[in-house]
Amino acid sequence: MISENIKILRRINSLNQKNFAKAIGVSIKRLSNWENGIDIPSLEMIIKIADTFKTSTDFILGRSEYYSVYTKGLKRIEISHLRHFVQDLLARSNPDNE
């Protein structure tokens, strides 16, 4: 679960393994081991990943299926656009909820 969520987080941020690893200060090999479930990051590293990519440790740990969006610095209209965009995506992925 942690391995998959780290991959998701990396892809959400449009980063390859090299750039993601550099952003959090680990080797590509270590990141690859995490993503392939060979090893798991320490608690300190999970916190660092969450802080660096503005998400929650719960998302990384699989305790929440929600990826939170850090909106500090965005204008109200931009936040409103994000909210509508997400609602539209949800409606498209599950037409029974309309």
N, C-alpha and C. Protein backbone atom coordinates (compact mmCIF):
# COMPACT_ATOMS: atom_id res chain seq x y z
N MET A 1 0.82 -1.18 0.00
CA MET A 1 0.00 0.00 0.00
C MET A 1 0.88 1.26 0.00
N ILE A 2 1.87 1.33 0.89
CA ILE A 2 2.75 2.48 0.92
C ILE A 2 3.47 2.61 -0.41
N SER A 3 3.92 1.48 -0.93
CA SER A 3 4.66 1.51 -2.21
C SER A 3 3.80 2.10 -3.33
N GLU A 4 2.56 1.67 -3.41
CA GLU A 4 1.67 2.17 -4.46
C GLU A 4 1.37 3.65 -4.27
N ASN A 5 1.19 4.07 -3.03
CA ASN A 5 0.87 5.48 -2.77
C ASN A 5 2.06 6.40 -3.05
N ILE A 6 3.27 5.92 -2.84
CA ILE A 6 4.44 6.71 -3.20
C ILE A 6 4.51 6.87 -4.72
N LYS A 7 4.22 5.79 -5.45
CA LYS A 7 4.18 5.88 -6.92
C LYS A 7 3.12 6.88 -7.37
N ILE A 8 1.94 6.79 -6.78
CA ILE A 8 0.85 7.70 -7.13
C ILE A 8 1.27 9.14 -6.88
N LEU A 9 1.85 9.39 -5.72
CA LEU A 9 2.29 10.73 -5.36
C LEU A 9 3.33 11.25 -6.35
N ARG A 10 4.26 10.39 -6.73
CA ARG A 10 5.30 10.78 -7.69
C ARG A 10 4.67 11.13 -9.03
N ARG A 11 3.71 10.31 -9.47
CA ARG A 11 3.07 10.55 -10.77
C ARG A 11 2.17 11.78 -10.75
N ILE A 12 1.46 11.99 -9.63
CA ILE A 12 0.62 13.18 -9.50
C ILE A 12 1.46 14.44 -9.69
N ASN A 13 2.68 14.39 -9.20
CA ASN A 13 3.58 15.54 -9.29
C ASN A 13 4.42 15.53 -10.57
N SER A 14 4.10 14.62 -11.49
CA SER A 14 4.77 14.53 -12.80
C SER A 14 6.29 14.44 -12.69
N LEU A 15 6.74 13.59 -11.77
CA LEU A 15 8.17 13.43 -11.57
C LEU A 15 8.63 12.02 -11.92
N ASN A 16 9.82 11.92 -12.48
CA ASN A 16 10.41 10.60 -12.66
C ASN A 16 11.10 10.22 -11.34
N GLN A 17 11.58 8.99 -11.26
CA GLN A 17 12.20 8.55 -10.00
C GLN A 17 13.40 9.41 -9.62
N LYS A 18 14.18 9.79 -10.60
CA LYS A 18 15.38 10.58 -10.32
C LYS A 18 15.03 11.90 -9.64
N ASN A 19 14.07 12.63 -10.18
CA ASN A 19 13.70 13.93 -9.63
C ASN A 19 12.96 13.82 -8.30
N PHE A 20 12.14 12.78 -8.16
CA PHE A 20 11.44 12.57 -6.89
C PHE A 20 12.45 12.25 -5.80
N ALA A 21 13.37 11.34 -6.11
CA ALA A 21 14.40 10.96 -5.14
C ALA A 21 15.25 12.17 -4.73
N LYS A 22 15.61 12.98 -5.70
CA LYS A 22 16.41 14.18 -5.41
C LYS A 22 15.65 15.14 -4.50
N ALA A 23 14.34 15.30 -4.75
CA ALA A 23 13.53 16.23 -3.97
C ALA A 23 13.46 15.84 -2.49
N ILE A 24 13.55 14.54 -2.21
CA ILE A 24 13.46 14.10 -0.81
C ILE A 24 14.81 13.64 -0.25
N GLY A 25 15.86 13.72 -1.07
CA GLY A 25 17.20 13.44 -0.58
C GLY A 25 17.55 11.98 -0.39
N VAL A 26 17.04 11.13 -1.29
CA VAL A 26 17.40 9.70 -1.23
C VAL A 26 17.92 9.26 -2.60
N SER A 27 18.49 8.08 -2.64
CA SER A 27 18.98 7.54 -3.90
C SER A 27 17.81 6.97 -4.72
N ILE A 28 18.02 6.87 -6.02
CA ILE A 28 17.01 6.27 -6.90
C ILE A 28 16.78 4.83 -6.48
N LYS A 29 17.83 4.13 -6.10
CA LYS A 29 17.73 2.72 -5.67
C LYS A 29 16.80 2.60 -4.46
N ARG A 30 16.98 3.49 -3.49
CA ARG A 30 16.13 3.45 -2.30
C ARG A 30 14.66 3.70 -2.67
N LEU A 31 14.42 4.72 -3.51
CA LEU A 31 13.05 5.01 -3.94
C LEU A 31 12.47 3.82 -4.70
N SER A 32 13.26 3.24 -5.58
CA SER A 32 12.81 2.06 -6.33
C SER A 32 12.44 0.92 -5.39
N ASN A 33 13.24 0.72 -4.36
CA ASN A 33 12.93 -0.34 -3.38
C ASN A 33 11.61 -0.06 -2.67
N TRP A 34 11.35 1.22 -2.35
CA TRP A 34 10.07 1.57 -1.73
C TRP A 34 8.92 1.30 -2.69
N GLU A 35 9.07 1.76 -3.93
CA GLU A 35 7.99 1.63 -4.91
C GLU A 35 7.71 0.17 -5.28
N ASN A 36 8.70 -0.68 -5.14
CA ASN A 36 8.53 -2.10 -5.47
C ASN A 36 8.22 -2.96 -4.25
N GLY A 37 8.04 -2.31 -3.09
CA GLY A 37 7.67 -3.04 -1.88
C GLY A 37 8.79 -3.86 -1.28
N ILE A 38 10.02 -3.61 -1.69
CA ILE A 38 11.17 -4.34 -1.15
C ILE A 38 11.53 -3.81 0.24
N ASP A 39 11.33 -2.53 0.43
CA ASP A 39 11.64 -1.85 1.69
C ASP A 39 10.56 -0.81 1.92
N ILE A 40 10.48 -0.29 3.12
CA ILE A 40 9.53 0.79 3.41
C ILE A 40 10.30 1.97 4.00
N PRO A 41 9.83 3.18 3.73
CA PRO A 41 10.52 4.35 4.28
C PRO A 41 10.31 4.45 5.79
N SER A 42 11.26 5.08 6.45
CA SER A 42 11.13 5.32 7.89
C SER A 42 10.01 6.32 8.13
N LEU A 43 9.57 6.39 9.36
CA LEU A 43 8.54 7.36 9.72
C LEU A 43 9.00 8.77 9.42
N GLU A 44 10.25 9.07 9.72
CA GLU A 44 10.78 10.40 9.43
C GLU A 44 10.72 10.71 7.94
N MET A 45 11.02 9.70 7.11
CA MET A 45 11.00 9.92 5.66
C MET A 45 9.57 10.07 5.15
N ILE A 46 8.63 9.34 5.73
CA ILE A 46 7.22 9.49 5.35
C ILE A 46 6.76 10.92 5.64
N ILE A 47 7.16 11.43 6.78
CA ILE A 47 6.81 12.82 7.12
C ILE A 47 7.46 13.79 6.14
N LYS A 48 8.72 13.54 5.80
CA LYS A 48 9.42 14.42 4.86
C LYS A 48 8.75 14.39 3.48
N ILE A 49 8.35 13.22 3.03
CA ILE A 49 7.66 13.10 1.73
C ILE A 49 6.35 13.89 1.78
N ALA A 50 5.58 13.70 2.86
CA ALA A 50 4.30 14.41 3.01
C ALA A 50 4.51 15.92 3.01
N ASP A 51 5.49 16.38 3.76
CA ASP A 51 5.76 17.82 3.83
C ASP A 51 6.23 18.36 2.48
N THR A 52 7.12 17.64 1.83
CA THR A 52 7.68 18.10 0.55
C THR A 52 6.61 18.21 -0.52
N PHE A 53 5.69 17.24 -0.55
CA PHE A 53 4.69 17.21 -1.61
C PHE A 53 3.30 17.62 -1.14
N LYS A 54 3.25 18.28 0.02
CA LYS A 54 2.02 18.91 0.53
C LYS A 54 0.84 17.94 0.56
N THR A 55 1.06 16.79 1.16
CA THR A 55 -0.02 15.83 1.35
C THR A 55 0.02 15.35 2.79
N SER A 56 -0.82 14.40 3.12
CA SER A 56 -0.86 13.90 4.49
C SER A 56 -0.09 12.59 4.61
N THR A 57 0.40 12.33 5.80
CA THR A 57 1.02 11.03 6.04
C THR A 57 -0.03 9.92 5.93
N ASP A 58 -1.26 10.24 6.27
CA ASP A 58 -2.34 9.26 6.14
C ASP A 58 -2.49 8.78 4.69
N PHE A 59 -2.35 9.68 3.73
CA PHE A 59 -2.43 9.28 2.33
C PHE A 59 -1.31 8.31 2.00
N ILE A 60 -0.09 8.63 2.39
CA ILE A 60 1.06 7.78 2.09
C ILE A 60 0.91 6.41 2.76
N LEU A 61 0.43 6.41 4.00
CA LEU A 61 0.29 5.16 4.75
C LEU A 61 -0.93 4.34 4.33
N GLY A 62 -1.79 4.91 3.51
CA GLY A 62 -2.98 4.18 3.09
C GLY A 62 -4.12 4.26 4.08
N ARG A 63 -4.02 5.18 5.02
CA ARG A 63 -5.08 5.35 6.01
C ARG A 63 -6.21 6.22 5.47
N SER A 64 -5.95 6.85 4.34
CA SER A 64 -6.95 7.69 3.69
C SER A 64 -6.83 7.48 2.19
N GLU A 65 -7.94 7.34 1.53
CA GLU A 65 -7.90 7.20 0.07
C GLU A 65 -7.91 8.56 -0.61
N TYR A 66 -7.92 9.60 0.19
CA TYR A 66 -8.00 10.95 -0.36
C TYR A 66 -6.63 11.59 -0.46
N TYR A 67 -6.36 12.14 -1.60
CA TYR A 67 -5.16 12.94 -1.80
C TYR A 67 -5.57 14.38 -1.59
N SER A 68 -4.99 15.02 -0.61
CA SER A 68 -5.37 16.40 -0.34
C SER A 68 -4.55 17.36 -1.19
N VAL A 69 -5.17 18.44 -1.54
CA VAL A 69 -4.53 19.47 -2.35
C VAL A 69 -4.20 20.65 -1.47
N TYR A 70 -2.97 21.07 -1.49
CA TYR A 70 -2.50 22.21 -0.72
C TYR A 70 -2.91 23.48 -1.46
N THR A 71 -3.79 24.26 -0.86
CA THR A 71 -4.34 25.42 -1.57
C THR A 71 -3.86 26.76 -1.04
N LYS A 72 -2.96 26.75 -0.08
CA LYS A 72 -2.46 28.01 0.46
C LYS A 72 -1.84 28.82 -0.67
N GLY A 73 -2.22 30.08 -0.73
CA GLY A 73 -1.69 30.96 -1.77
C GLY A 73 -2.56 31.03 -3.01
N LEU A 74 -3.57 30.15 -3.10
CA LEU A 74 -4.47 30.21 -4.24
C LEU A 74 -5.60 31.20 -3.95
N LYS A 75 -6.11 31.80 -4.98
CA LYS A 75 -7.24 32.71 -4.85
C LYS A 75 -8.52 31.88 -4.70
N ARG A 76 -9.55 32.50 -4.15
CA ARG A 76 -10.82 31.79 -3.96
C ARG A 76 -11.37 31.24 -5.27
N ILE A 77 -11.24 32.01 -6.32
CA ILE A 77 -11.75 31.56 -7.62
C ILE A 77 -10.98 30.34 -8.10
N GLU A 78 -9.68 30.29 -7.84
CA GLU A 78 -8.87 29.13 -8.24
C GLU A 78 -9.27 27.89 -7.45
N ILE A 79 -9.52 28.08 -6.16
CA ILE A 79 -9.98 26.96 -5.33
C ILE A 79 -11.34 26.48 -5.81
N SER A 80 -12.20 27.40 -6.17
CA SER A 80 -13.52 27.05 -6.70
C SER A 80 -13.39 26.25 -8.00
N HIS A 81 -12.49 26.66 -8.88
CA HIS A 81 -12.26 25.92 -10.12
C HIS A 81 -11.77 24.51 -9.83
N LEU A 82 -10.87 24.38 -8.87
CA LEU A 82 -10.38 23.05 -8.49
C LEU A 82 -11.52 22.17 -7.98
N ARG A 83 -12.35 22.75 -7.12
CA ARG A 83 -13.47 21.99 -6.57
C ARG A 83 -14.40 21.50 -7.68
N HIS A 84 -14.72 22.37 -8.63
CA HIS A 84 -15.60 21.98 -9.74
C HIS A 84 -14.94 20.93 -10.63
N PHE A 85 -13.65 21.09 -10.85
CA PHE A 85 -12.91 20.12 -11.66
C PHE A 85 -12.96 18.73 -11.02
N VAL A 86 -12.73 18.66 -9.72
CA VAL A 86 -12.76 17.38 -9.01
C VAL A 86 -14.16 16.79 -9.03
N GLN A 87 -15.16 17.61 -8.82
CA GLN A 87 -16.54 17.12 -8.86
C GLN A 87 -16.88 16.56 -10.24
N ASP A 88 -16.41 17.23 -11.28
CA ASP A 88 -16.63 16.76 -12.64
C ASP A 88 -15.94 15.41 -12.87
N LEU A 89 -14.71 15.29 -12.41
CA LEU A 89 -13.99 14.03 -12.55
C LEU A 89 -14.70 12.89 -11.83
N LEU A 90 -15.17 13.17 -10.62
CA LEU A 90 -15.87 12.15 -9.85
C LEU A 90 -17.16 11.73 -10.55
N ALA A 91 -17.88 12.68 -11.09
CA ALA A 91 -19.12 12.37 -11.79
C ALA A 91 -18.84 11.52 -13.03
N ARG A 92 -17.76 11.80 -13.73
CA ARG A 92 -17.42 11.03 -14.92
C ARG A 92 -16.98 9.61 -14.58
N SER A 93 -16.30 9.46 -13.44
CA SER A 93 -15.80 8.13 -13.09
C SER A 93 -16.88 7.26 -12.46
N ASN A 94 -17.97 7.88 -11.99
CA ASN A 94 -19.04 7.12 -11.39
C ASN A 94 -20.38 7.74 -11.76
N PRO A 95 -20.88 7.43 -12.98
CA PRO A 95 -22.11 8.07 -13.46
C PRO A 95 -23.35 7.76 -12.61
N ASP A 96 -23.31 6.71 -11.79
CA ASP A 96 -24.45 6.36 -10.95
C ASP A 96 -24.67 7.35 -9.82
N ASN A 97 -23.66 8.18 -9.51
CA ASN A 97 -23.77 9.13 -8.41
C ASN A 97 -24.38 10.46 -8.81
N GLU A 98 -24.77 10.60 -10.04
CA GLU A 98 -25.32 11.89 -10.50
C GLU A 98 -26.71 12.11 -9.96
